[in-house]
PDB file of N, CA and C in Angstrom:
ATOM      1  N   ALA A   1      -7.501 -19.960   9.382  1.00  0.00           N
ATOM      2  CA  ALA A   1      -8.260 -20.053  11.010  1.00  0.00           C
ATOM      3  C   ALA A   1      -7.530 -19.547  11.650  1.00  0.00           C
ATOM      4  N   ALA A   2      -5.732 -19.694  11.372  1.00  0.00           N
ATOM      5  CA  ALA A   2      -4.780 -19.419  12.078  1.00  0.00           C
ATOM      6  C   ALA A   2      -5.036 -18.160  12.397  1.00  0.00           C
ATOM      7  N   TYR A   3      -5.322 -17.285  11.817  1.00  0.00           N
ATOM      8  CA  TYR A   3      -5.347 -15.390  12.256  1.00  0.00           C
ATOM      9  C   TYR A   3      -6.312 -14.987  11.866  1.00  0.00           C
ATOM     10  N   ARG A   4      -7.549 -15.770  12.249  1.00  0.00           N
ATOM     11  CA  ARG A   4      -9.070 -15.246  11.804  1.00  0.00           C
ATOM     12  C   ARG A   4      -9.346 -13.563  12.301  1.00  0.00           C
ATOM     13  N   GLU A   5      -9.656 -13.152  11.270  1.00  0.00           N
ATOM     14  CA  GLU A   5     -10.082 -12.122  11.510  1.00  0.00           C
ATOM     15  C   GLU A   5      -8.879 -10.881  11.937  1.00  0.00           C
ATOM     16  N   ASN A   6      -8.086 -10.723  11.733  1.00  0.00           N
ATOM     17  CA  ASN A   6      -7.068 -10.073  11.745  1.00  0.00           C
ATOM     18  C   ASN A   6      -5.916 -10.054  11.059  1.00  0.00           C
ATOM     19  N   THR A   7      -5.184  -9.243  10.112  1.00  0.00           N
ATOM     20  CA  THR A   7      -4.194  -8.829   9.531  1.00  0.00           C
ATOM     21  C   THR A   7      -3.882  -9.965   8.525  1.00  0.00           C
ATOM     22  N   VAL A   8      -2.966 -10.920   8.375  1.00  0.00           N
ATOM     23  CA  VAL A   8      -3.145 -12.074   7.635  1.00  0.00           C
ATOM     24  C   VAL A   8      -4.228 -13.034   7.353  1.00  0.00           C
ATOM     25  N   GLY A   9      -4.897 -12.952   8.405  1.00  0.00           N
ATOM     26  CA  GLY A   9      -6.229 -13.423   8.027  1.00  0.00           C
ATOM     27  C   GLY A   9      -7.570 -12.798   7.402  1.00  0.00           C
ATOM     28  N   LEU A  10      -7.264 -11.696   7.123  1.00  0.00           N
ATOM     29  CA  LEU A  10      -8.006 -10.990   5.996  1.00  0.00           C
ATOM     30  C   LEU A  10      -7.808 -11.200   5.017  1.00  0.00           C
ATOM     31  N   ASN A  11      -9.235 -10.825   4.310  1.00  0.00           N
ATOM     32  CA  ASN A  11      -9.156 -10.920   2.346  1.00  0.00           C
ATOM     33  C   ASN A  11      -8.212 -10.346   2.386  1.00  0.00           C
ATOM     34  N   ARG A  12      -7.470 -10.702   0.828  1.00  0.00           N
ATOM     35  CA  ARG A  12      -6.654 -10.368  -0.058  1.00  0.00           C
ATOM     36  C   ARG A  12      -7.339  -9.522  -1.011  1.00  0.00           C
ATOM     37  N   PHE A  13      -8.557  -9.788  -1.043  1.00  0.00           N
ATOM     38  CA  PHE A  13      -9.453  -9.142  -2.351  1.00  0.00           C
ATOM     39  C   PHE A  13     -10.488  -8.759  -2.083  1.00  0.00           C
ATOM     40  N   CYS A  14     -10.897  -7.759  -2.889  1.00  0.00           N
ATOM     41  CA  CYS A  14     -11.783  -7.212  -2.671  1.00  0.00           C
ATOM     42  C   CYS A  14     -13.376  -7.976  -2.781  1.00  0.00           C
ATOM     43  N   PRO A  15     -14.364  -8.403  -1.652  1.00  0.00           N
ATOM     44  CA  PRO A  15     -15.415  -9.000  -1.742  1.00  0.00           C
ATOM     45  C   PRO A  15     -16.426  -8.236  -2.811  1.00  0.00           C
ATOM     46  N   ALA A  16     -16.907  -9.227  -3.409  1.00  0.00           N
ATOM     47  CA  ALA A  16     -17.664  -8.853  -4.723  1.00  0.00           C
ATOM     48  C   ALA A  16     -18.883  -7.767  -4.035  1.00  0.00           C
ATOM     49  N   ASP A  17     -19.444  -7.993  -2.970  1.00  0.00           N
ATOM     50  CA  ASP A  17     -20.417  -6.769  -2.251  1.00  0.00           C
ATOM     51  C   ASP A  17     -19.606  -5.611  -2.081  1.00  0.00           C
ATOM     52  N   ASN A  18     -18.411  -5.490  -2.261  1.00  0.00           N
ATOM     53  CA  ASN A  18     -18.165  -4.321  -2.203  1.00  0.00           C
ATOM     54  C   ASN A  18     -17.493  -3.246  -3.246  1.00  0.00           C
ATOM     55  N   ILE A  19     -17.432  -3.913  -4.252  1.00  0.00           N
ATOM     56  CA  ILE A  19     -17.287  -3.356  -5.424  1.00  0.00           C
ATOM     57  C   ILE A  19     -17.748  -1.974  -5.798  1.00  0.00           C
ATOM     58  N   GLU A  20     -19.138  -1.805  -5.945  1.00  0.00           N
ATOM     59  CA  GLU A  20     -19.786  -0.676  -5.833  1.00  0.00           C
ATOM     60  C   GLU A  20     -19.796   0.258  -5.189  1.00  0.00           C
ATOM     61  N   LYS A  21     -19.059  -0.030  -4.019  1.00  0.00           N
ATOM     62  CA  LYS A  21     -18.843   1.391  -3.034  1.00  0.00           C
ATOM     63  C   LYS A  21     -17.271   2.288  -3.012  1.00  0.00           C
ATOM     64  N   ILE A  22     -16.727   1.485  -4.265  1.00  0.00           N
ATOM     65  CA  ILE A  22     -15.263   1.880  -4.730  1.00  0.00           C
ATOM     66  C   ILE A  22     -15.294   2.985  -5.585  1.00  0.00           C
ATOM     67  N   ASP A  23     -15.167   4.347  -5.442  1.00  0.00           N
ATOM     68  CA  ASP A  23     -14.885   5.250  -6.247  1.00  0.00           C
ATOM     69  C   ASP A  23     -13.645   5.554  -6.535  1.00  0.00           C
ATOM     70  N   ARG A  24     -13.761   7.060  -7.074  1.00  0.00           N
ATOM     71  CA  ARG A  24     -12.293   7.764  -7.252  1.00  0.00           C
ATOM     72  C   ARG A  24     -11.894   8.036  -5.913  1.00  0.00           C
ATOM     73  N   THR A  25     -12.708   8.783  -5.079  1.00  0.00           N
ATOM     74  CA  THR A  25     -12.573   9.224  -3.786  1.00  0.00           C
ATOM     75  C   THR A  25     -11.777   8.169  -3.023  1.00  0.00           C
ATOM     76  N   VAL A  26     -12.493   6.816  -3.029  1.00  0.00           N
ATOM     77  CA  VAL A  26     -12.154   5.681  -2.044  1.00  0.00           C
ATOM     78  C   VAL A  26     -10.432   5.572  -2.923  1.00  0.00           C
ATOM     79  N   LEU A  27     -10.656   5.445  -3.826  1.00  0.00           N
ATOM     80  CA  LEU A  27      -9.254   4.752  -4.475  1.00  0.00           C
ATOM     81  C   LEU A  27      -7.976   6.089  -4.180  1.00  0.00           C
ATOM     82  N   HIS A  28      -8.392   7.169  -4.323  1.00  0.00           N
ATOM     83  CA  HIS A  28      -7.577   8.134  -4.007  1.00  0.00           C
ATOM     84  C   HIS A  28      -7.138   8.061  -2.458  1.00  0.00           C
ATOM     85  N   SER A  29      -8.017   7.857  -1.891  1.00  0.00           N
ATOM     86  CA  SER A  29      -7.576   8.105  -0.437  1.00  0.00           C
ATOM     87  C   SER A  29      -6.642   6.457   0.157  1.00  0.00           C
ATOM     88  N   TYR A  30      -6.853   5.716  -0.542  1.00  0.00           N
ATOM     89  CA  TYR A  30      -6.284   4.275  -0.432  1.00  0.00           C
ATOM     90  C   TYR A  30      -5.010   4.332  -0.727  1.00  0.00           C
ATOM     91  N   LEU A  31      -4.520   5.046  -2.216  1.00  0.00           N
ATOM     92  CA  LEU A  31      -3.137   5.354  -2.637  1.00  0.00           C
ATOM     93  C   LEU A  31      -2.762   6.601  -1.608  1.00  0.00           C
ATOM     94  N   ARG A  32      -3.214   7.421  -1.084  1.00  0.00           N
ATOM     95  CA  ARG A  32      -2.598   8.432  -0.541  1.00  0.00           C
ATOM     96  C   ARG A  32      -2.194   7.923   0.767  1.00  0.00           C
ATOM     97  N   ASN A  33      -2.738   7.109   1.332  1.00  0.00           N
ATOM     98  CA  ASN A  33      -2.391   6.420   2.697  1.00  0.00           C
ATOM     99  C   ASN A  33      -1.463   5.362   2.272  1.00  0.00           C
ATOM    100  N   TYR A  34      -1.473   4.562   1.420  1.00  0.00           N
ATOM    101  CA  TYR A  34      -0.525   3.537   1.700  1.00  0.00           C
ATOM    102  C   TYR A  34       0.641   3.407   0.181  1.00  0.00           C
ATOM    103  N   TYR A  35       0.562   4.563  -0.489  1.00  0.00           N
ATOM    104  CA  TYR A  35       1.758   4.750  -1.717  1.00  0.00           C
ATOM    105  C   TYR A  35       2.378   5.867  -1.323  1.00  0.00           C
ATOM    106  N   THR A  36       3.165   5.743   0.006  1.00  0.00           N
ATOM    107  CA  THR A  36       4.001   6.908   0.408  1.00  0.00           C
ATOM    108  C   THR A  36       5.364   6.568   0.355  1.00  0.00           C
ATOM    109  N   PRO A  37       6.531   7.190   0.201  1.00  0.00           N
ATOM    110  CA  PRO A  37       7.760   7.247   0.203  1.00  0.00           C
ATOM    111  C   PRO A  37       8.384   6.479   1.025  1.00  0.00           C
ATOM    112  N   ASN A  38       7.866   6.694   2.478  1.00  0.00           N
ATOM    113  CA  ASN A  38       8.263   5.742   3.789  1.00  0.00           C
ATOM    114  C   ASN A  38       7.954   4.333   3.123  1.00  0.00           C
ATOM    115  N   ARG A  39       7.097   3.843   2.408  1.00  0.00           N
ATOM    116  CA  ARG A  39       6.620   2.464   2.007  1.00  0.00           C
ATOM    117  C   ARG A  39       7.069   1.941   0.627  1.00  0.00           C
ATOM    118  N   MET A  40       7.911   2.738   0.226  1.00  0.00           N
ATOM    119  CA  MET A  40       8.514   2.156  -1.204  1.00  0.00           C
ATOM    120  C   MET A  40       9.798   2.226  -1.285  1.00  0.00           C
ATOM    121  N   VAL A  41      10.030   1.189  -1.954  1.00  0.00           N
ATOM    122  CA  VAL A  41      11.494   0.353  -2.312  1.00  0.00           C
ATOM    123  C   VAL A  41      11.754   1.094  -3.798  1.00  0.00           C
ATOM    124  N   LEU A  42      13.050   1.686  -4.334  1.00  0.00           N
ATOM    125  CA  LEU A  42      13.529   1.933  -5.501  1.00  0.00           C
ATOM    126  C   LEU A  42      14.785   1.345  -5.730  1.00  0.00           C
ATOM    127  N   ALA A  43      14.388   0.039  -6.433  1.00  0.00           N
ATOM    128  CA  ALA A  43      15.760  -1.101  -6.902  1.00  0.00           C
ATOM    129  C   ALA A  43      15.704  -1.002  -8.322  1.00  0.00           C
ATOM    130  N   GLY A  44      17.324  -1.391  -8.286  1.00  0.00           N
ATOM    131  CA  GLY A  44      17.669  -1.367  -9.841  1.00  0.00           C
ATOM    132  C   GLY A  44      18.311  -2.473  -9.986  1.00  0.00           C
ATOM    133  N   VAL A  45      18.595  -3.229 -11.254  1.00  0.00           N
ATOM    134  CA  VAL A  45      19.303  -4.261 -11.609  1.00  0.00           C
ATOM    135  C   VAL A  45      20.108  -4.285 -13.003  1.00  0.00           C
ATOM    136  N   GLY A  46      21.443  -4.226 -13.041  1.00  0.00           N
ATOM    137  CA  GLY A  46      21.624  -3.834 -14.529  1.00  0.00           C
ATOM    138  C   GLY A  46      21.917  -2.336 -14.879  1.00  0.00           C
ATOM    139  N   ILE A  47      22.144  -1.316 -13.860  1.00  0.00           N
ATOM    140  CA  ILE A  47      22.364   0.135 -14.175  1.00  0.00           C
ATOM    141  C   ILE A  47      23.074   0.699 -13.097  1.00  0.00           C
ATOM    142  N   GLU A  48      23.990   1.573 -13.325  1.00  0.00           N
ATOM    143  CA  GLU A  48      25.165   2.155 -12.716  1.00  0.00           C
ATOM    144  C   GLU A  48      24.231   2.707 -11.455  1.00  0.00           C
ATOM    145  N   HIS A  49      24.576   2.616 -10.151  1.00  0.00           N
ATOM    146  CA  HIS A  49      24.035   3.419  -9.191  1.00  0.00           C
ATOM    147  C   HIS A  49      23.958   4.804  -9.238  1.00  0.00           C
ATOM    148  N   GLN A  50      24.601   5.387 -10.054  1.00  0.00           N
ATOM    149  CA  GLN A  50      24.424   7.148  -9.811  1.00  0.00           C
ATOM    150  C   GLN A  50      23.391   7.147 -11.125  1.00  0.00           C
ATOM    151  N   GLN A  51      23.045   6.498 -12.049  1.00  0.00           N
ATOM    152  CA  GLN A  51      22.322   6.606 -13.113  1.00  0.00           C
ATOM    153  C   GLN A  51      20.885   6.238 -12.371  1.00  0.00           C
ATOM    154  N   LEU A  52      20.805   5.609 -11.847  1.00  0.00           N
ATOM    155  CA  LEU A  52      19.425   5.091 -10.936  1.00  0.00           C
ATOM    156  C   LEU A  52      19.088   6.485 -10.027  1.00  0.00           C
ATOM    157  N   VAL A  53      20.223   6.696  -9.502  1.00  0.00           N
ATOM    158  CA  VAL A  53      19.704   8.137  -8.581  1.00  0.00           C
ATOM    159  C   VAL A  53      19.651   9.117  -9.086  1.00  0.00           C
ATOM    160  N   ASP A  54      20.352   9.520 -10.439  1.00  0.00           N
ATOM    161  CA  ASP A  54      19.951  10.537 -11.228  1.00  0.00           C
ATOM    162  C   ASP A  54      18.211  10.675 -11.733  1.00  0.00           C
ATOM    163  N   CYS A  55      18.192   9.204 -11.969  1.00  0.00           N
ATOM    164  CA  CYS A  55      16.490   8.896 -12.596  1.00  0.00           C
ATOM    165  C   CYS A  55      15.568   9.244 -11.521  1.00  0.00           C
ATOM    166  N   ALA A  56      15.723   8.715 -10.249  1.00  0.00           N
ATOM    167  CA  ALA A  56      14.938   8.868  -9.352  1.00  0.00           C
ATOM    168  C   ALA A  56      14.811  10.357  -8.958  1.00  0.00           C
ATOM    169  N   ARG A  57      15.796  11.125  -9.054  1.00  0.00           N
ATOM    170  CA  ARG A  57      15.801  12.709  -8.535  1.00  0.00           C
ATOM    171  C   ARG A  57      14.785  13.263  -9.863  1.00  0.00           C
ATOM    172  N   LYS A  58      15.117  12.673 -11.141  1.00  0.00           N
ATOM    173  CA  LYS A  58      14.260  13.558 -12.187  1.00  0.00           C
ATOM    174  C   LYS A  58      12.854  13.339 -12.107  1.00  0.00           C
ATOM    175  N   TYR A  59      12.371  11.721 -12.013  1.00  0.00           N
ATOM    176  CA  TYR A  59      11.094  11.770 -12.123  1.00  0.00           C
ATOM    177  C   TYR A  59      10.231  11.353 -10.847  1.00  0.00           C
ATOM    178  N   PHE A  60      11.061  11.476  -9.682  1.00  0.00           N
ATOM    179  CA  PHE A  60      10.333  11.375  -8.216  1.00  0.00           C
ATOM    180  C   PHE A  60      10.105  12.733  -7.518  1.00  0.00           C
ATOM    181  N   LEU A  61      11.447  13.330  -7.368  1.00  0.00           N
ATOM    182  CA  LEU A  61      11.298  14.689  -6.557  1.00  0.00           C
ATOM    183  C   LEU A  61      10.465  15.750  -7.252  1.00  0.00           C
ATOM    184  N   GLY A  62       9.786  16.111  -6.222  1.00  0.00           N
ATOM    185  CA  GLY A  62       9.032  17.121  -6.852  1.00  0.00           C
ATOM    186  C   GLY A  62       7.445  17.069  -7.295  1.00  0.00           C
ATOM    187  N   ALA A  63       7.595  15.575  -7.979  1.00  0.00           N
ATOM    188  CA  ALA A  63       6.360  15.124  -8.642  1.00  0.00           C
ATOM    189  C   ALA A  63       5.125  15.035  -7.444  1.00  0.00           C
ATOM    190  N   ILE A  64       4.237  15.660  -7.791  1.00  0.00           N
ATOM    191  CA  ILE A  64       2.632  15.571  -7.282  1.00  0.00           C
ATOM    192  C   ILE A  64       1.909  14.250  -7.944  1.00  0.00           C
ATOM    193  N   PRO A  65       1.696  13.055  -7.238  1.00  0.00           N
ATOM    194  CA  PRO A  65       0.779  11.894  -7.482  1.00  0.00           C
ATOM    195  C   PRO A  65      -0.451  12.562  -7.673  1.00  0.00           C
ATOM    196  N   ALA A  66      -1.056  11.889  -9.029  1.00  0.00           N
ATOM    197  CA  ALA A  66      -2.334  11.839  -9.444  1.00  0.00           C
ATOM    198  C   ALA A  66      -3.443  11.784  -8.251  1.00  0.00           C
ATOM    199  N   TRP A  67      -3.177  11.091  -6.974  1.00  0.00           N
ATOM    200  CA  TRP A  67      -4.139  11.098  -6.178  1.00  0.00           C
ATOM    201  C   TRP A  67      -3.987  11.997  -4.829  1.00  0.00           C
ATOM    202  N   GLY A  68      -3.200  13.248  -5.305  1.00  0.00           N
ATOM    203  CA  GLY A  68      -2.882  14.390  -4.542  1.00  0.00           C
ATOM    204  C   GLY A  68      -1.712  13.821  -3.304  1.00  0.00           C
ATOM    205  N   SER A  69      -1.359  15.131  -2.564  1.00  0.00           N
ATOM    206  CA  SER A  69      -0.304  15.132  -1.856  1.00  0.00           C
ATOM    207  C   SER A  69      -0.843  15.524  -0.105  1.00  0.00           C
ATOM    208  N   GLY A  70      -2.140  15.435  -0.056  1.00  0.00           N
ATOM    209  CA  GLY A  70      -2.631  15.640   1.254  1.00  0.00           C
ATOM    210  C   GLY A  70      -1.869  14.734   2.156  1.00  0.00           C
ATOM    211  N   GLU A  71      -2.398  14.812   3.734  1.00  0.00           N
ATOM    212  CA  GLU A  71      -1.917  14.232   4.552  1.00  0.00           C
ATOM    213  C   GLU A  71      -2.204  12.937   4.610  1.00  0.00           C
ATOM    214  N   ALA A  72      -1.498  11.919   4.796  1.00  0.00           N
ATOM    215  CA  ALA A  72      -2.066  10.656   5.007  1.00  0.00           C
ATOM    216  C   ALA A  72      -2.673  10.208   6.428  1.00  0.00           C
ATOM    217  N   GLU A  73      -3.487   9.485   6.398  1.00  0.00           N
ATOM    218  CA  GLU A  73      -3.991   8.913   7.688  1.00  0.00           C
ATOM    219  C   GLU A  73      -3.263   8.143   8.382  1.00  0.00           C
ATOM    220  N   ASP A  74      -3.100   7.850   9.709  1.00  0.00           N
ATOM    221  CA  ASP A  74      -2.296   6.745  10.249  1.00  0.00           C
ATOM    222  C   ASP A  74      -2.987   5.222   9.606  1.00  0.00           C
ATOM    223  N   VAL A  75      -2.141   4.506   9.157  1.00  0.00           N
ATOM    224  CA  VAL A  75      -2.673   3.075   8.733  1.00  0.00           C
ATOM    225  C   VAL A  75      -2.217   2.132   9.925  1.00  0.00           C
ATOM    226  N   ASP A  76      -3.085   1.176   9.724  1.00  0.00           N
ATOM    227  CA  ASP A  76      -2.983  -0.128  10.423  1.00  0.00           C
ATOM    228  C   ASP A  76      -1.487  -0.407  10.790  1.00  0.00           C
ATOM    229  N   LYS A  77      -1.146  -0.849  11.718  1.00  0.00           N
ATOM    230  CA  LYS A  77       0.169  -1.110  12.077  1.00  0.00           C
ATOM    231  C   LYS A  77       0.466  -2.247  12.737  1.00  0.00           C
ATOM    232  N   SER A  78      -0.989  -3.110  12.658  1.00  0.00           N
ATOM    233  CA  SER A  78      -1.215  -4.396  13.797  1.00  0.00           C
ATOM    234  C   SER A  78      -0.068  -5.438  13.436  1.00  0.00           C
ATOM    235  N   VAL A  79       0.202  -5.903  14.239  1.00  0.00           N
ATOM    236  CA  VAL A  79       1.129  -7.639  14.281  1.00  0.00           C
ATOM    237  C   VAL A  79       0.103  -8.102  13.840  1.00  0.00           C
ATOM    238  N   ALA A  80       0.220  -9.503  13.345  1.00  0.00           N
ATOM    239  CA  ALA A  80      -0.396 -10.644  13.155  1.00  0.00           C
ATOM    240  C   ALA A  80      -0.344 -11.354  14.612  1.00  0.00           C
ATOM    241  N   GLN A  81      -2.135 -11.570  14.792  1.00  0.00           N
ATOM    242  CA  GLN A  81      -2.332 -12.354  16.107  1.00  0.00           C
ATOM    243  C   GLN A  81      -2.698 -13.468  15.879  1.00  0.00           C
ATOM    244  N   TYR A  82      -1.747 -14.538  16.011  1.00  0.00           N
ATOM    245  CA  TYR A  82      -2.160 -15.851  16.137  1.00  0.00           C
ATOM    246  C   TYR A  82      -3.098 -16.625  17.015  1.00  0.00           C
ATOM    247  N   THR A  83      -4.335 -17.101  16.071  1.00  0.00           N
ATOM    248  CA  THR A  83      -5.416 -17.198  17.064  1.00  0.00           C
ATOM    249  C   THR A  83      -5.996 -18.937  17.161  1.00  0.00           C
ATOM    250  N   GLY A  84      -5.110 -19.503  16.198  1.00  0.00           N
ATOM    251  CA  GLY A  84      -5.277 -21.106  16.127  1.00  0.00           C
ATOM    252  C   GLY A  84      -6.396 -21.482  15.889  1.00  0.00           C
ATOM    253  N   GLY A  85      -6.770 -22.824  16.246  1.00  0.00           N
ATOM    254  CA  GLY A  85      -8.303 -23.228  15.977  1.00  0.00           C
ATOM    255  C   GLY A  85      -8.267 -23.885  14.639  1.00  0.00           C
ATOM    256  N   ILE A  86      -9.362 -24.488  14.379  1.00  0.00           N
ATOM    257  CA  ILE A  86      -9.745 -25.336  13.175  1.00  0.00           C
ATOM    258  C   ILE A  86     -11.130 -25.087  12.770  1.00  0.00           C
ATOM    259  N   LEU A  87     -11.617 -24.520  11.538  1.00  0.00           N
ATOM    260  CA  LEU A  87     -12.511 -23.846  11.210  1.00  0.00           C
ATOM    261  C   LEU A  87     -13.128 -25.425  10.348  1.00  0.00           C
ATOM    262  N   LYS A  88     -14.505 -25.543  10.995  1.00  0.00           N
ATOM    263  CA  LYS A  88     -15.111 -26.635  10.329  1.00  0.00           C
ATOM    264  C   LYS A  88     -16.658 -26.021   9.586  1.00  0.00           C
TER     265      LYS A  88
END
């Protein structure tokens, strides 16, 4: 109720009615838009910093993801809007 119909008030999981609408194109579009370098963090524990950097360069630089390297669309950057209220 607190964030009804916006940001954190939206479903976290796909409604069952929409499952049939998800295909390879939809999934790749989602990945292309949300799995971008500026939205990722590479963290390491128990590894020397330079070794982590070397691994990142080896496995990430120049790699083309399976979902393609086309332009990502602008993603929703809305700030959560508290709507308040009680749903009965």
